[in-house]
Amino acid sequence: MSEPYPREGAPAPPRSTRWLRRWAVAMLAAWIVGILWIVMYYVDPAFPVLGEFGNWNLLIGFGLLLLGAVFGVFLLVALIMSARRRP
């Protein structure tokens, strides 16, 4: 039967960082898409999809940048919390 708590001298089991990588990828993707959205609107305002939104394209682009920042905050908090748990 296994012990409910690890012994003090036992090494901690490795933690999975796969979900942290997903947060980082989501953060970078939101930033890149947001910047590209704004740049494409300034380069060609009559682009088929972007032309329909008008100046709302700026709000959409900055909203994506803000979403990337929110993902970054979640990632930072998760990294801090996981670092505290390590012995």
PDB file of N, CA and C in Angstrom:
ATOM      1  N   MET A   1       0.844  -1.171   0.000  1.00  0.00           N
ATOM      2  CA  MET A   1       0.000   0.000   0.000  1.00  0.00           C
ATOM      3  C   MET A   1       0.891   1.236   0.000  1.00  0.00           C
ATOM      4  N   SER A   2       0.556   2.223  -0.818  1.00  0.00           N
ATOM      5  CA  SER A   2       1.387   3.416  -0.919  1.00  0.00           C
ATOM      6  C   SER A   2       1.082   4.380   0.223  1.00  0.00           C
ATOM      7  N   GLU A   3       2.069   5.186   0.509  1.00  0.00           N
ATOM      8  CA  GLU A   3       1.917   6.170   1.583  1.00  0.00           C
ATOM      9  C   GLU A   3       1.077   7.342   1.075  1.00  0.00           C
ATOM     10  N   PRO A   4       0.217   7.908   1.922  1.00  0.00           N
ATOM     11  CA  PRO A   4      -0.598   9.033   1.467  1.00  0.00           C
ATOM     12  C   PRO A   4       0.226  10.292   1.223  1.00  0.00           C
ATOM     13  N   TYR A   5       1.331  10.458   1.950  1.00  0.00           N
ATOM     14  CA  TYR A   5       2.186  11.630   1.782  1.00  0.00           C
ATOM     15  C   TYR A   5       3.603  11.152   1.493  1.00  0.00           C
ATOM     16  N   PRO A   6       4.317  11.834   0.606  1.00  0.00           N
ATOM     17  CA  PRO A   6       5.696  11.409   0.330  1.00  0.00           C
ATOM     18  C   PRO A   6       6.587  11.708   1.525  1.00  0.00           C
ATOM     19  N   ARG A   7       7.600  10.881   1.652  1.00  0.00           N
ATOM     20  CA  ARG A   7       8.572  11.104   2.720  1.00  0.00           C
ATOM     21  C   ARG A   7       9.344  12.385   2.449  1.00  0.00           C
ATOM     22  N   GLU A   8       9.938  12.937   3.496  1.00  0.00           N
ATOM     23  CA  GLU A   8      10.649  14.207   3.351  1.00  0.00           C
ATOM     24  C   GLU A   8      11.848  14.095   2.422  1.00  0.00           C
ATOM     25  N   GLY A   9      12.513  12.982   2.419  1.00  0.00           N
ATOM     26  CA  GLY A   9      13.694  12.814   1.594  1.00  0.00           C
ATOM     27  C   GLY A   9      13.375  12.388   0.165  1.00  0.00           C
ATOM     28  N   ALA A  10      12.132  12.033  -0.091  1.00  0.00           N
ATOM     29  CA  ALA A  10      11.761  11.557  -1.425  1.00  0.00           C
ATOM     30  C   ALA A  10      11.669  12.728  -2.398  1.00  0.00           C
ATOM     31  N   PRO A  11      12.135  12.548  -3.640  1.00  0.00           N
ATOM     32  CA  PRO A  11      12.026  13.632  -4.620  1.00  0.00           C
ATOM     33  C   PRO A  11      10.568  13.840  -5.028  1.00  0.00           C
ATOM     34  N   ALA A  12      10.248  15.070  -5.332  1.00  0.00           N
ATOM     35  CA  ALA A  12       8.886  15.397  -5.753  1.00  0.00           C
ATOM     36  C   ALA A  12       8.645  14.848  -7.153  1.00  0.00           C
ATOM     37  N   PRO A  13       7.439  14.398  -7.440  1.00  0.00           N
ATOM     38  CA  PRO A  13       7.157  13.903  -8.782  1.00  0.00           C
ATOM     39  C   PRO A  13       7.225  15.047  -9.796  1.00  0.00           C
ATOM     40  N   PRO A  14       7.662  14.767 -11.022  1.00  0.00           N
ATOM     41  CA  PRO A  14       7.766  15.841 -12.017  1.00  0.00           C
ATOM     42  C   PRO A  14       6.386  16.391 -12.360  1.00  0.00           C
ATOM     43  N   ARG A  15       6.322  17.697 -12.501  1.00  0.00           N
ATOM     44  CA  ARG A  15       5.059  18.350 -12.836  1.00  0.00           C
ATOM     45  C   ARG A  15       4.963  18.542 -14.344  1.00  0.00           C
ATOM     46  N   SER A  16       3.757  18.426 -14.838  1.00  0.00           N
ATOM     47  CA  SER A  16       3.532  18.622 -16.259  1.00  0.00           C
ATOM     48  C   SER A  16       3.434  20.118 -16.565  1.00  0.00           C
ATOM     49  N   THR A  17       4.214  20.574 -17.514  1.00  0.00           N
ATOM     50  CA  THR A  17       4.169  21.979 -17.914  1.00  0.00           C
ATOM     51  C   THR A  17       3.516  22.144 -19.279  1.00  0.00           C
ATOM     52  N   ARG A  18       2.861  21.100 -19.741  1.00  0.00           N
ATOM     53  CA  ARG A  18       2.227  21.158 -21.057  1.00  0.00           C
ATOM     54  C   ARG A  18       1.143  22.235 -21.098  1.00  0.00           C
ATOM     55  N   TRP A  19       0.351  22.361 -20.033  1.00  0.00           N
ATOM     56  CA  TRP A  19      -0.716  23.357 -20.034  1.00  0.00           C
ATOM     57  C   TRP A  19      -0.153  24.762 -19.921  1.00  0.00           C
ATOM     58  N   LEU A  20       1.024  24.928 -19.307  1.00  0.00           N
ATOM     59  CA  LEU A  20       1.655  26.245 -19.265  1.00  0.00           C
ATOM     60  C   LEU A  20       2.099  26.669 -20.657  1.00  0.00           C
ATOM     61  N   ARG A  21       2.578  25.705 -21.426  1.00  0.00           N
ATOM     62  CA  ARG A  21       2.969  26.014 -22.806  1.00  0.00           C
ATOM     63  C   ARG A  21       1.759  26.427 -23.629  1.00  0.00           C
ATOM     64  N   ARG A  22       0.618  25.813 -23.364  1.00  0.00           N
ATOM     65  CA  ARG A  22      -0.597  26.176 -24.111  1.00  0.00           C
ATOM     66  C   ARG A  22      -1.026  27.599 -23.797  1.00  0.00           C
ATOM     67  N   TRP A  23      -0.894  28.015 -22.530  1.00  0.00           N
ATOM     68  CA  TRP A  23      -1.208  29.399 -22.179  1.00  0.00           C
ATOM     69  C   TRP A  23      -0.256  30.351 -22.898  1.00  0.00           C
ATOM     70  N   ALA A  24       1.026  30.002 -22.954  1.00  0.00           N
ATOM     71  CA  ALA A  24       2.012  30.857 -23.621  1.00  0.00           C
ATOM     72  C   ALA A  24       1.734  30.954 -25.116  1.00  0.00           C
ATOM     73  N   VAL A  25       1.373  29.846 -25.734  1.00  0.00           N
ATOM     74  CA  VAL A  25       1.062  29.858 -27.163  1.00  0.00           C
ATOM     75  C   VAL A  25      -0.195  30.682 -27.422  1.00  0.00           C
ATOM     76  N   ALA A  26      -1.195  30.558 -26.571  1.00  0.00           N
ATOM     77  CA  ALA A  26      -2.418  31.347 -26.726  1.00  0.00           C
ATOM     78  C   ALA A  26      -2.123  32.835 -26.564  1.00  0.00           C
ATOM     79  N   MET A  27      -1.258  33.185 -25.624  1.00  0.00           N
ATOM     80  CA  MET A  27      -0.886  34.579 -25.408  1.00  0.00           C
ATOM     81  C   MET A  27      -0.192  35.151 -26.646  1.00  0.00           C
ATOM     82  N   LEU A  28       0.801  34.436 -27.146  1.00  0.00           N
ATOM     83  CA  LEU A  28       1.528  34.907 -28.328  1.00  0.00           C
ATOM     84  C   LEU A  28       0.633  34.971 -29.558  1.00  0.00           C
ATOM     85  N   ALA A  29      -0.239  33.990 -29.719  1.00  0.00           N
ATOM     86  CA  ALA A  29      -1.141  33.985 -30.864  1.00  0.00           C
ATOM     87  C   ALA A  29      -2.089  35.178 -30.816  1.00  0.00           C
ATOM     88  N   ALA A  30      -2.624  35.501 -29.646  1.00  0.00           N
ATOM     89  CA  ALA A  30      -3.529  36.650 -29.528  1.00  0.00           C
ATOM     90  C   ALA A  30      -2.790  37.945 -29.842  1.00  0.00           C
ATOM     91  N   TRP A  31      -1.561  38.079 -29.378  1.00  0.00           N
ATOM     92  CA  TRP A  31      -0.791  39.289 -29.664  1.00  0.00           C
ATOM     93  C   TRP A  31      -0.480  39.414 -31.147  1.00  0.00           C
ATOM     94  N   ILE A  32      -0.053  38.319 -31.762  1.00  0.00           N
ATOM     95  CA  ILE A  32       0.313  38.369 -33.176  1.00  0.00           C
ATOM     96  C   ILE A  32      -0.906  38.658 -34.039  1.00  0.00           C
ATOM     97  N   VAL A  33      -2.017  37.984 -33.764  1.00  0.00           N
ATOM     98  CA  VAL A  33      -3.230  38.212 -34.556  1.00  0.00           C
ATOM     99  C   VAL A  33      -3.736  39.637 -34.344  1.00  0.00           C
ATOM    100  N   GLY A  34      -3.675  40.148 -33.119  1.00  0.00           N
ATOM    101  CA  GLY A  34      -4.111  41.514 -32.854  1.00  0.00           C
ATOM    102  C   GLY A  34      -3.278  42.541 -33.594  1.00  0.00           C
ATOM    103  N   ILE A  35      -1.968  42.371 -33.575  1.00  0.00           N
ATOM    104  CA  ILE A  35      -1.091  43.308 -34.286  1.00  0.00           C
ATOM    105  C   ILE A  35      -1.316  43.212 -35.785  1.00  0.00           C
ATOM    106  N   LEU A  36      -1.415  41.984 -36.309  1.00  0.00           N
ATOM    107  CA  LEU A  36      -1.660  41.821 -37.742  1.00  0.00           C
ATOM    108  C   LEU A  36      -3.010  42.398 -38.159  1.00  0.00           C
ATOM    109  N   TRP A  37      -4.008  42.274 -37.290  1.00  0.00           N
ATOM    110  CA  TRP A  37      -5.338  42.816 -37.598  1.00  0.00           C
ATOM    111  C   TRP A  37      -5.265  44.335 -37.764  1.00  0.00           C
ATOM    112  N   ILE A  38      -4.576  44.995 -36.832  1.00  0.00           N
ATOM    113  CA  ILE A  38      -4.457  46.454 -36.902  1.00  0.00           C
ATOM    114  C   ILE A  38      -3.622  46.875 -38.104  1.00  0.00           C
ATOM    115  N   VAL A  39      -2.519  46.174 -38.343  1.00  0.00           N
ATOM    116  CA  VAL A  39      -1.651  46.518 -39.476  1.00  0.00           C
ATOM    117  C   VAL A  39      -2.386  46.318 -40.793  1.00  0.00           C
ATOM    118  N   MET A  40      -3.107  45.213 -40.928  1.00  0.00           N
ATOM    119  CA  MET A  40      -3.850  44.970 -42.177  1.00  0.00           C
ATOM    120  C   MET A  40      -4.921  46.034 -42.398  1.00  0.00           C
ATOM    121  N   TYR A  41      -5.534  46.505 -41.325  1.00  0.00           N
ATOM    122  CA  TYR A  41      -6.544  47.557 -41.468  1.00  0.00           C
ATOM    123  C   TYR A  41      -5.911  48.851 -41.957  1.00  0.00           C
ATOM    124  N   TYR A  42      -4.722  49.181 -41.461  1.00  0.00           N
ATOM    125  CA  TYR A  42      -4.060  50.402 -41.899  1.00  0.00           C
ATOM    126  C   TYR A  42      -3.492  50.265 -43.303  1.00  0.00           C
ATOM    127  N   VAL A  43      -3.039  49.080 -43.679  1.00  0.00           N
ATOM    128  CA  VAL A  43      -2.462  48.876 -45.009  1.00  0.00           C
ATOM    129  C   VAL A  43      -3.551  48.925 -46.075  1.00  0.00           C
ATOM    130  N   ASP A  44      -4.671  48.222 -45.838  1.00  0.00           N
ATOM    131  CA  ASP A  44      -5.745  48.177 -46.835  1.00  0.00           C
ATOM    132  C   ASP A  44      -7.099  48.187 -46.128  1.00  0.00           C
ATOM    133  N   PRO A  45      -7.657  49.381 -45.878  1.00  0.00           N
ATOM    134  CA  PRO A  45      -8.939  49.462 -45.187  1.00  0.00           C
ATOM    135  C   PRO A  45     -10.097  48.881 -45.990  1.00  0.00           C
ATOM    136  N   ALA A  46      -9.927  48.680 -47.277  1.00  0.00           N
ATOM    137  CA  ALA A  46     -10.993  48.139 -48.106  1.00  0.00           C
ATOM    138  C   ALA A  46     -10.875  46.629 -48.288  1.00  0.00           C
ATOM    139  N   PHE A  47     -10.045  45.982 -47.497  1.00  0.00           N
ATOM    140  CA  PHE A  47      -9.905  44.522 -47.551  1.00  0.00           C
ATOM    141  C   PHE A  47     -11.282  43.906 -47.319  1.00  0.00           C
ATOM    142  N   PRO A  48     -11.641  42.833 -48.047  1.00  0.00           N
ATOM    143  CA  PRO A  48     -13.023  42.325 -47.999  1.00  0.00           C
ATOM    144  C   PRO A  48     -13.609  42.128 -46.607  1.00  0.00           C
ATOM    145  N   VAL A  49     -12.907  41.513 -45.699  1.00  0.00           N
ATOM    146  CA  VAL A  49     -13.470  41.272 -44.365  1.00  0.00           C
ATOM    147  C   VAL A  49     -13.329  42.520 -43.492  1.00  0.00           C
ATOM    148  N   LEU A  50     -12.169  43.162 -43.545  1.00  0.00           N
ATOM    149  CA  LEU A  50     -11.904  44.308 -42.686  1.00  0.00           C
ATOM    150  C   LEU A  50     -12.710  45.535 -43.088  1.00  0.00           C
ATOM    151  N   GLY A  51     -13.036  45.685 -44.360  1.00  0.00           N
ATOM    152  CA  GLY A  51     -13.771  46.846 -44.828  1.00  0.00           C
ATOM    153  C   GLY A  51     -15.169  46.948 -44.257  1.00  0.00           C
ATOM    154  N   GLU A  52     -15.751  45.826 -43.904  1.00  0.00           N
ATOM    155  CA  GLU A  52     -17.116  45.822 -43.382  1.00  0.00           C
ATOM    156  C   GLU A  52     -17.190  46.363 -41.959  1.00  0.00           C
ATOM    157  N   PHE A  53     -16.105  46.253 -41.197  1.00  0.00           N
ATOM    158  CA  PHE A  53     -16.129  46.670 -39.798  1.00  0.00           C
ATOM    159  C   PHE A  53     -15.782  48.138 -39.605  1.00  0.00           C
ATOM    160  N   GLY A  54     -15.121  48.748 -40.562  1.00  0.00           N
ATOM    161  CA  GLY A  54     -14.749  50.154 -40.430  1.00  0.00           C
ATOM    162  C   GLY A  54     -13.765  50.367 -39.292  1.00  0.00           C
ATOM    163  N   ASN A  55     -14.017  51.409 -38.495  1.00  0.00           N
ATOM    164  CA  ASN A  55     -13.100  51.715 -37.391  1.00  0.00           C
ATOM    165  C   ASN A  55     -13.210  50.739 -36.228  1.00  0.00           C
ATOM    166  N   TRP A  56     -14.185  49.853 -36.256  1.00  0.00           N
ATOM    167  CA  TRP A  56     -14.286  48.819 -35.219  1.00  0.00           C
ATOM    168  C   TRP A  56     -13.101  47.865 -35.291  1.00  0.00           C
ATOM    169  N   ASN A  57     -12.385  47.867 -36.412  1.00  0.00           N
ATOM    170  CA  ASN A  57     -11.198  47.020 -36.534  1.00  0.00           C
ATOM    171  C   ASN A  57     -10.156  47.368 -35.474  1.00  0.00           C
ATOM    172  N   LEU A  58     -10.048  48.640 -35.124  1.00  0.00           N
ATOM    173  CA  LEU A  58      -9.100  49.034 -34.084  1.00  0.00           C
ATOM    174  C   LEU A  58      -9.505  48.439 -32.736  1.00  0.00           C
ATOM    175  N   LEU A  59     -10.787  48.467 -32.443  1.00  0.00           N
ATOM    176  CA  LEU A  59     -11.253  47.884 -31.189  1.00  0.00           C
ATOM    177  C   LEU A  59     -11.014  46.376 -31.166  1.00  0.00           C
ATOM    178  N   ILE A  60     -11.245  45.718 -32.285  1.00  0.00           N
ATOM    179  CA  ILE A  60     -11.014  44.267 -32.366  1.00  0.00           C
ATOM    180  C   ILE A  60      -9.531  43.959 -32.169  1.00  0.00           C
ATOM    181  N   GLY A  61      -8.657  44.707 -32.838  1.00  0.00           N
ATOM    182  CA  GLY A  61      -7.214  44.485 -32.712  1.00  0.00           C
ATOM    183  C   GLY A  61      -6.713  44.724 -31.304  1.00  0.00           C
ATOM    184  N   PHE A  62      -7.140  45.841 -30.700  1.00  0.00           N
ATOM    185  CA  PHE A  62      -6.707  46.119 -29.334  1.00  0.00           C
ATOM    186  C   PHE A  62      -7.346  45.159 -28.341  1.00  0.00           C
ATOM    187  N   GLY A  63      -8.539  44.675 -28.642  1.00  0.00           N
ATOM    188  CA  GLY A  63      -9.161  43.659 -27.798  1.00  0.00           C
ATOM    189  C   GLY A  63      -8.353  42.368 -27.803  1.00  0.00           C
ATOM    190  N   LEU A  64      -7.842  41.992 -28.965  1.00  0.00           N
ATOM    191  CA  LEU A  64      -6.995  40.800 -29.043  1.00  0.00           C
ATOM    192  C   LEU A  64      -5.678  41.007 -28.285  1.00  0.00           C
ATOM    193  N   LEU A  65      -5.125  42.218 -28.368  1.00  0.00           N
ATOM    194  CA  LEU A  65      -3.918  42.507 -27.597  1.00  0.00           C
ATOM    195  C   LEU A  65      -4.197  42.430 -26.097  1.00  0.00           C
ATOM    196  N   LEU A  66      -5.345  42.934 -25.684  1.00  0.00           N
ATOM    197  CA  LEU A  66      -5.722  42.860 -24.269  1.00  0.00           C
ATOM    198  C   LEU A  66      -5.956  41.416 -23.842  1.00  0.00           C
ATOM    199  N   LEU A  67      -6.565  40.626 -24.710  1.00  0.00           N
ATOM    200  CA  LEU A  67      -6.757  39.204 -24.403  1.00  0.00           C
ATOM    201  C   LEU A  67      -5.416  38.502 -24.217  1.00  0.00           C
ATOM    202  N   GLY A  68      -4.435  38.834 -25.046  1.00  0.00           N
ATOM    203  CA  GLY A  68      -3.090  38.283 -24.871  1.00  0.00           C
ATOM    204  C   GLY A  68      -2.480  38.682 -23.539  1.00  0.00           C
ATOM    205  N   ALA A  69      -2.743  39.915 -23.103  1.00  0.00           N
ATOM    206  CA  ALA A  69      -2.234  40.354 -21.800  1.00  0.00           C
ATOM    207  C   ALA A  69      -2.906  39.586 -20.662  1.00  0.00           C
ATOM    208  N   VAL A  70      -4.199  39.301 -20.807  1.00  0.00           N
ATOM    209  CA  VAL A  70      -4.904  38.513 -19.787  1.00  0.00           C
ATOM    210  C   VAL A  70      -4.314  37.109 -19.722  1.00  0.00           C
ATOM    211  N   PHE A  71      -4.055  36.505 -20.880  1.00  0.00           N
ATOM    212  CA  PHE A  71      -3.402  35.193 -20.899  1.00  0.00           C
ATOM    213  C   PHE A  71      -2.033  35.272 -20.227  1.00  0.00           C
ATOM    214  N   GLY A  72      -1.311  36.365 -20.449  1.00  0.00           N
ATOM    215  CA  GLY A  72      -0.003  36.535 -19.821  1.00  0.00           C
ATOM    216  C   GLY A  72      -0.086  36.620 -18.307  1.00  0.00           C
ATOM    217  N   VAL A  73      -1.118  37.300 -17.804  1.00  0.00           N
ATOM    218  CA  VAL A  73      -1.297  37.388 -16.352  1.00  0.00           C
ATOM    219  C   VAL A  73      -1.604  36.009 -15.779  1.00  0.00           C
ATOM    220  N   PHE A  74      -2.490  35.255 -16.437  1.00  0.00           N
ATOM    221  CA  PHE A  74      -2.784  33.900 -15.970  1.00  0.00           C
ATOM    222  C   PHE A  74      -1.528  33.035 -15.980  1.00  0.00           C
ATOM    223  N   LEU A  75      -0.724  33.171 -17.025  1.00  0.00           N
ATOM    224  CA  LEU A  75       0.516  32.401 -17.117  1.00  0.00           C
ATOM    225  C   LEU A  75       1.478  32.783 -15.994  1.00  0.00           C
ATOM    226  N   LEU A  76       1.598  34.077 -15.725  1.00  0.00           N
ATOM    227  CA  LEU A  76       2.494  34.532 -14.667  1.00  0.00           C
ATOM    228  C   LEU A  76       2.047  34.024 -13.297  1.00  0.00           C
ATOM    229  N   VAL A  77       0.751  34.100 -13.034  1.00  0.00           N
ATOM    230  CA  VAL A  77       0.236  33.606 -11.751  1.00  0.00           C
ATOM    231  C   VAL A  77       0.452  32.103 -11.631  1.00  0.00           C
ATOM    232  N   ALA A  78       0.223  31.363 -12.711  1.00  0.00           N
ATOM    233  CA  ALA A  78       0.426  29.911 -12.673  1.00  0.00           C
ATOM    234  C   ALA A  78       1.887  29.562 -12.441  1.00  0.00           C
ATOM    235  N   LEU A  79       2.797  30.302 -13.044  1.00  0.00           N
ATOM    236  CA  LEU A  79       4.221  30.044 -12.839  1.00  0.00           C
ATOM    237  C   LEU A  79       4.638  30.362 -11.409  1.00  0.00           C
ATOM    238  N   ILE A  80       4.126  31.448 -10.858  1.00  0.00           N
ATOM    239  CA  ILE A  80       4.459  31.795  -9.478  1.00  0.00           C
ATOM    240  C   ILE A  80       3.912  30.748  -8.513  1.00  0.00           C
ATOM    241  N   MET A  81       2.679  30.321  -8.734  1.00  0.00           N
ATOM    242  CA  MET A  81       2.072  29.330  -7.842  1.00  0.00           C
ATOM    243  C   MET A  81       2.789  27.979  -7.944  1.00  0.00           C
ATOM    244  N   SER A  82       3.195  27.584  -9.148  1.00  0.00           N
ATOM    245  CA  SER A  82       3.892  26.302  -9.288  1.00  0.00           C
ATOM    246  C   SER A  82       5.299  26.380  -8.701  1.00  0.00           C
ATOM    247  N   ALA A  83       5.924  27.555  -8.720  1.00  0.00           N
ATOM    248  CA  ALA A  83       7.257  27.705  -8.142  1.00  0.00           C
ATOM    249  C   ALA A  83       7.199  27.645  -6.625  1.00  0.00           C
ATOM    250  N   ARG A  84       6.116  28.093  -6.033  1.00  0.00           N
ATOM    251  CA  ARG A  84       5.981  28.047  -4.573  1.00  0.00           C
ATOM    252  C   ARG A  84       5.826  26.629  -4.062  1.00  0.00           C
ATOM    253  N   ARG A  85       5.262  25.746  -4.867  1.00  0.00           N
ATOM    254  CA  ARG A  85       5.007  24.374  -4.423  1.00  0.00           C
ATOM    255  C   ARG A  85       6.252  23.511  -4.460  1.00  0.00           C
ATOM    256  N   ARG A  86       7.245  23.926  -5.207  1.00  0.00           N
ATOM    257  CA  ARG A  86       8.471  23.130  -5.302  1.00  0.00           C
ATOM    258  C   ARG A  86       9.259  23.246  -4.025  1.00  0.00           C
ATOM    259  N   PRO A  87       9.858  22.152  -3.589  1.00  0.00           N
ATOM    260  CA  PRO A  87      10.666  22.209  -2.353  1.00  0.00           C
ATOM    261  C   PRO A  87      12.002  22.885  -2.581  1.00  0.00           C
TER     262      PRO A  87
END
